[in-house]
């Protein structure tokens, strides 16, 4: 059975820095970022606020989508985040209460 893949965008408390990542376990990975165990980049810039994510049918498609998003300009990323999450609130608390995501 193929495992779902996720791409996600994190930001810091001022929404100035964006980080795009990929994982096969979104809740686990965001928890790691929040505990400072994410990438060196997210630790350095304190990116631990989940503002955007996509669920893809498998990890290969998620990796391809992550590469695509990383090539987009900041303005485009800001727009997709705002369309998905108007107030740029942290989506992580809602994920841990969602039985589909666990």
N, C-alpha and C. Protein backbone atom coordinates (compact mmCIF):
# COMPACT_ATOMS: atom_id res chain seq x y z
N UNK A 1 0.84 -1.18 0.00
CA UNK A 1 0.00 0.00 0.00
C UNK A 1 0.89 1.25 0.00
N UNK A 2 0.57 2.19 -0.89
CA UNK A 2 1.31 3.45 -0.95
C UNK A 2 0.98 4.30 0.27
N UNK A 3 1.96 5.00 0.76
CA UNK A 3 1.77 5.88 1.89
C UNK A 3 1.55 7.30 1.38
N UNK A 4 0.59 8.00 1.99
CA UNK A 4 0.34 9.38 1.60
C UNK A 4 1.58 10.22 1.83
N UNK A 5 1.67 11.31 1.08
CA UNK A 5 2.74 12.27 1.26
C UNK A 5 2.13 13.64 1.55
N UNK A 6 2.89 14.47 2.19
CA UNK A 6 2.42 15.81 2.55
C UNK A 6 3.51 16.82 2.21
N UNK A 7 3.12 17.94 1.67
CA UNK A 7 4.03 19.08 1.61
C UNK A 7 3.44 20.11 2.56
N UNK A 8 4.32 20.90 3.13
CA UNK A 8 3.86 21.87 4.11
C UNK A 8 4.73 23.12 4.05
N UNK A 9 4.15 24.22 4.50
CA UNK A 9 4.89 25.47 4.61
C UNK A 9 4.79 25.95 6.04
N UNK A 10 5.96 26.23 6.61
CA UNK A 10 6.06 26.79 7.96
C UNK A 10 6.51 28.24 7.85
N UNK A 11 6.18 29.01 8.87
CA UNK A 11 6.70 30.36 8.97
C UNK A 11 7.06 30.63 10.42
N UNK A 12 7.64 31.79 10.66
CA UNK A 12 7.98 32.17 12.03
C UNK A 12 6.87 33.07 12.59
N UNK A 13 7.05 33.58 13.80
CA UNK A 13 5.99 34.33 14.47
C UNK A 13 5.63 35.63 13.75
N UNK A 14 6.56 36.18 12.96
CA UNK A 14 6.29 37.42 12.24
C UNK A 14 5.91 37.19 10.78
N UNK A 15 5.83 35.95 10.36
CA UNK A 15 5.50 35.57 8.98
C UNK A 15 6.50 36.08 7.95
N UNK A 16 7.73 36.32 8.37
CA UNK A 16 8.75 36.86 7.47
C UNK A 16 9.53 35.78 6.72
N UNK A 17 9.66 34.62 7.34
CA UNK A 17 10.47 33.54 6.76
C UNK A 17 9.55 32.37 6.44
N UNK A 18 9.73 31.77 5.25
CA UNK A 18 8.96 30.59 4.87
C UNK A 18 9.89 29.41 4.68
N UNK A 19 9.39 28.25 5.06
CA UNK A 19 10.11 26.99 4.86
C UNK A 19 9.14 25.99 4.26
N UNK A 20 9.52 25.37 3.16
CA UNK A 20 8.70 24.34 2.53
C UNK A 20 9.35 22.99 2.77
N UNK A 21 8.54 22.03 3.24
CA UNK A 21 9.05 20.70 3.52
C UNK A 21 8.13 19.61 3.00
N UNK A 22 8.60 18.38 3.09
CA UNK A 22 7.84 17.21 2.65
C UNK A 22 8.00 16.12 3.70
N UNK A 23 6.95 15.33 3.89
CA UNK A 23 7.00 14.26 4.87
C UNK A 23 5.94 13.21 4.54
N UNK A 24 6.05 12.06 5.18
CA UNK A 24 4.98 11.05 5.06
C UNK A 24 4.16 10.99 6.35
N UNK A 25 4.51 11.85 7.33
CA UNK A 25 3.76 11.91 8.59
C UNK A 25 3.72 13.36 9.06
N UNK A 26 2.69 14.07 8.64
CA UNK A 26 2.63 15.51 8.88
C UNK A 26 2.63 15.88 10.36
N UNK A 27 1.78 15.25 11.13
CA UNK A 27 1.70 15.59 12.56
C UNK A 27 3.04 15.36 13.25
N UNK A 28 3.64 14.22 13.00
CA UNK A 28 4.92 13.90 13.63
C UNK A 28 6.00 14.91 13.23
N UNK A 29 6.05 15.25 11.95
CA UNK A 29 7.09 16.16 11.47
C UNK A 29 6.91 17.58 12.03
N UNK A 30 5.68 18.07 12.08
CA UNK A 30 5.46 19.42 12.61
C UNK A 30 5.78 19.44 14.10
N UNK A 31 5.43 18.37 14.80
CA UNK A 31 5.77 18.29 16.23
C UNK A 31 7.29 18.38 16.41
N UNK A 32 8.04 17.71 15.55
CA UNK A 32 9.50 17.78 15.61
C UNK A 32 9.98 19.22 15.41
N UNK A 33 9.42 19.91 14.42
CA UNK A 33 9.79 21.31 14.19
C UNK A 33 9.49 22.15 15.44
N UNK A 34 8.34 21.93 16.05
CA UNK A 34 7.94 22.71 17.22
C UNK A 34 8.86 22.45 18.42
N UNK A 35 9.45 21.27 18.45
CA UNK A 35 10.37 20.92 19.53
C UNK A 35 11.82 21.27 19.20
N UNK A 36 12.01 21.97 18.07
CA UNK A 36 13.36 22.36 17.68
C UNK A 36 14.18 21.24 17.07
N UNK A 37 13.52 20.14 16.68
CA UNK A 37 14.20 18.99 16.11
C UNK A 37 14.01 18.89 14.61
N UNK A 38 13.54 19.99 14.01
CA UNK A 38 13.36 20.00 12.56
C UNK A 38 14.69 20.24 11.89
N UNK A 39 14.66 20.88 10.76
CA UNK A 39 15.89 21.18 10.03
C UNK A 39 16.68 22.28 10.72
N UNK A 40 17.93 22.42 10.35
CA UNK A 40 18.75 23.51 10.88
C UNK A 40 18.15 24.86 10.53
N UNK A 41 17.61 24.97 9.31
CA UNK A 41 16.99 26.23 8.87
C UNK A 41 15.82 26.61 9.75
N UNK A 42 14.92 25.65 10.00
CA UNK A 42 13.73 25.99 10.81
C UNK A 42 14.11 26.28 12.25
N UNK A 43 15.13 25.62 12.75
CA UNK A 43 15.59 25.91 14.12
C UNK A 43 16.20 27.31 14.18
N UNK A 44 17.03 27.63 13.22
CA UNK A 44 17.72 28.93 13.20
C UNK A 44 16.72 30.09 13.10
N UNK A 45 15.72 29.95 12.22
CA UNK A 45 14.78 31.04 11.96
C UNK A 45 13.47 30.89 12.73
N UNK A 46 13.41 29.90 13.62
CA UNK A 46 12.24 29.66 14.47
C UNK A 46 10.95 29.53 13.66
N UNK A 47 11.03 28.75 12.60
CA UNK A 47 9.86 28.45 11.77
C UNK A 47 9.16 27.23 12.36
N UNK A 48 8.09 27.46 13.07
CA UNK A 48 7.35 26.34 13.65
C UNK A 48 5.84 26.53 13.57
N UNK A 49 5.40 27.48 12.77
CA UNK A 49 3.97 27.74 12.60
C UNK A 49 3.53 27.17 11.25
N UNK A 50 2.69 26.14 11.29
CA UNK A 50 2.19 25.50 10.07
C UNK A 50 1.08 26.38 9.48
N UNK A 51 1.33 26.92 8.28
CA UNK A 51 0.35 27.80 7.67
C UNK A 51 -0.26 27.23 6.39
N UNK A 52 0.32 26.14 5.88
CA UNK A 52 -0.18 25.57 4.62
C UNK A 52 0.26 24.12 4.53
N UNK A 53 -0.61 23.29 3.96
CA UNK A 53 -0.20 21.92 3.65
C UNK A 53 -1.07 21.36 2.54
N UNK A 54 -0.55 20.35 1.87
CA UNK A 54 -1.28 19.60 0.85
C UNK A 54 -1.09 18.11 1.14
N UNK A 55 -2.13 17.35 0.91
CA UNK A 55 -2.07 15.89 1.04
C UNK A 55 -2.00 15.32 -0.37
N UNK A 56 -1.01 14.49 -0.61
CA UNK A 56 -0.84 13.88 -1.93
C UNK A 56 -0.93 12.37 -1.80
N UNK A 57 -1.26 11.68 -2.91
CA UNK A 57 -1.51 10.24 -2.83
C UNK A 57 -0.30 9.41 -2.43
N UNK A 58 0.90 9.89 -2.69
CA UNK A 58 2.09 9.15 -2.29
C UNK A 58 3.27 10.10 -2.12
N UNK A 59 4.32 9.61 -1.50
CA UNK A 59 5.47 10.44 -1.16
C UNK A 59 6.20 10.93 -2.39
N UNK A 60 6.22 10.15 -3.46
CA UNK A 60 6.91 10.58 -4.68
C UNK A 60 6.25 11.82 -5.25
N UNK A 61 4.92 11.82 -5.31
CA UNK A 61 4.20 13.00 -5.80
C UNK A 61 4.42 14.19 -4.85
N UNK A 62 4.51 13.93 -3.57
CA UNK A 62 4.76 15.00 -2.60
C UNK A 62 6.14 15.61 -2.81
N UNK A 63 7.13 14.80 -3.07
CA UNK A 63 8.49 15.31 -3.31
C UNK A 63 8.52 16.17 -4.57
N UNK A 64 7.83 15.73 -5.61
CA UNK A 64 7.77 16.51 -6.84
C UNK A 64 7.07 17.85 -6.60
N UNK A 65 5.99 17.83 -5.84
CA UNK A 65 5.26 19.06 -5.54
C UNK A 65 6.11 20.01 -4.67
N UNK A 66 6.84 19.46 -3.73
CA UNK A 66 7.72 20.29 -2.90
C UNK A 66 8.74 21.02 -3.77
N UNK A 67 9.36 20.31 -4.70
CA UNK A 67 10.35 20.93 -5.58
C UNK A 67 9.71 22.04 -6.41
N UNK A 68 8.48 21.80 -6.85
CA UNK A 68 7.76 22.80 -7.64
C UNK A 68 7.53 24.07 -6.80
N UNK A 69 7.02 23.90 -5.60
CA UNK A 69 6.72 25.04 -4.74
C UNK A 69 7.99 25.81 -4.37
N UNK A 70 9.07 25.11 -4.12
CA UNK A 70 10.32 25.77 -3.74
C UNK A 70 10.84 26.70 -4.84
N UNK A 71 10.44 26.45 -6.08
CA UNK A 71 10.88 27.30 -7.19
C UNK A 71 9.99 28.53 -7.38
N UNK A 72 8.86 28.57 -6.74
CA UNK A 72 7.96 29.72 -6.89
C UNK A 72 8.48 30.92 -6.11
N UNK A 73 8.13 32.10 -6.59
CA UNK A 73 8.50 33.34 -5.91
C UNK A 73 7.70 33.49 -4.61
N UNK A 74 8.21 34.29 -3.72
CA UNK A 74 7.58 34.53 -2.42
C UNK A 74 6.13 35.02 -2.58
N UNK A 75 5.89 35.90 -3.52
CA UNK A 75 4.54 36.45 -3.71
C UNK A 75 3.53 35.33 -4.00
N UNK A 76 3.92 34.38 -4.84
CA UNK A 76 3.03 33.26 -5.18
C UNK A 76 2.75 32.42 -3.93
N UNK A 77 3.80 32.15 -3.15
CA UNK A 77 3.63 31.37 -1.92
C UNK A 77 2.71 32.11 -0.94
N UNK A 78 2.91 33.41 -0.80
CA UNK A 78 2.03 34.20 0.07
C UNK A 78 0.57 34.06 -0.37
N UNK A 79 0.35 34.09 -1.68
CA UNK A 79 -1.02 33.98 -2.21
C UNK A 79 -1.65 32.63 -1.92
N UNK A 80 -0.91 31.54 -2.13
CA UNK A 80 -1.53 30.23 -1.86
C UNK A 80 -1.78 30.03 -0.38
N UNK A 81 -0.89 30.56 0.45
CA UNK A 81 -1.11 30.47 1.90
C UNK A 81 -2.37 31.24 2.28
N UNK A 82 -2.50 32.46 1.79
CA UNK A 82 -3.66 33.30 2.13
C UNK A 82 -4.96 32.68 1.64
N UNK A 83 -4.95 32.08 0.44
CA UNK A 83 -6.17 31.41 -0.06
C UNK A 83 -6.55 30.23 0.83
N UNK A 84 -5.57 29.52 1.33
CA UNK A 84 -5.78 28.32 2.14
C UNK A 84 -6.05 28.65 3.60
N UNK A 85 -5.43 29.73 4.08
CA UNK A 85 -5.42 30.05 5.51
C UNK A 85 -5.36 31.57 5.64
N UNK A 86 -6.52 32.21 5.47
CA UNK A 86 -6.63 33.67 5.35
C UNK A 86 -5.86 34.44 6.41
N UNK A 87 -5.91 33.98 7.65
CA UNK A 87 -5.28 34.71 8.75
C UNK A 87 -3.88 34.20 9.11
N UNK A 88 -3.37 33.27 8.34
CA UNK A 88 -2.05 32.70 8.59
C UNK A 88 -1.94 32.17 10.02
N UNK A 89 -3.02 31.56 10.50
CA UNK A 89 -2.97 30.99 11.85
C UNK A 89 -2.25 29.65 11.81
N UNK A 90 -1.80 29.20 12.97
CA UNK A 90 -1.11 27.91 13.08
C UNK A 90 -2.15 26.80 12.94
N UNK A 91 -2.01 25.97 11.92
CA UNK A 91 -2.96 24.90 11.64
C UNK A 91 -2.69 23.62 12.43
N UNK A 92 -1.56 23.55 13.09
CA UNK A 92 -1.18 22.33 13.80
C UNK A 92 -2.19 21.91 14.87
N UNK A 93 -2.69 22.82 15.72
CA UNK A 93 -3.64 22.37 16.74
C UNK A 93 -4.88 21.67 16.15
N UNK A 94 -5.35 22.13 15.01
CA UNK A 94 -6.49 21.48 14.36
C UNK A 94 -6.16 20.11 13.81
N UNK A 95 -4.91 19.91 13.40
CA UNK A 95 -4.50 18.60 12.87
C UNK A 95 -4.51 17.52 13.93
N UNK A 96 -4.03 17.86 15.11
CA UNK A 96 -3.92 16.82 16.14
C UNK A 96 -5.28 16.37 16.65
N UNK A 97 -6.32 17.17 16.37
CA UNK A 97 -7.68 16.79 16.76
C UNK A 97 -8.45 16.15 15.60
N UNK A 98 -7.83 16.03 14.43
CA UNK A 98 -8.50 15.50 13.25
C UNK A 98 -8.21 14.00 13.11
N UNK A 99 -9.23 13.16 13.31
CA UNK A 99 -8.98 11.70 13.25
C UNK A 99 -8.44 11.21 11.91
N UNK A 100 -8.71 11.93 10.83
CA UNK A 100 -8.21 11.53 9.53
C UNK A 100 -6.70 11.71 9.43
N UNK A 101 -6.18 12.71 10.13
CA UNK A 101 -4.75 13.02 10.05
C UNK A 101 -3.90 12.15 10.96
N UNK A 102 -4.49 11.57 11.96
CA UNK A 102 -3.70 10.79 12.94
C UNK A 102 -3.25 9.47 12.37
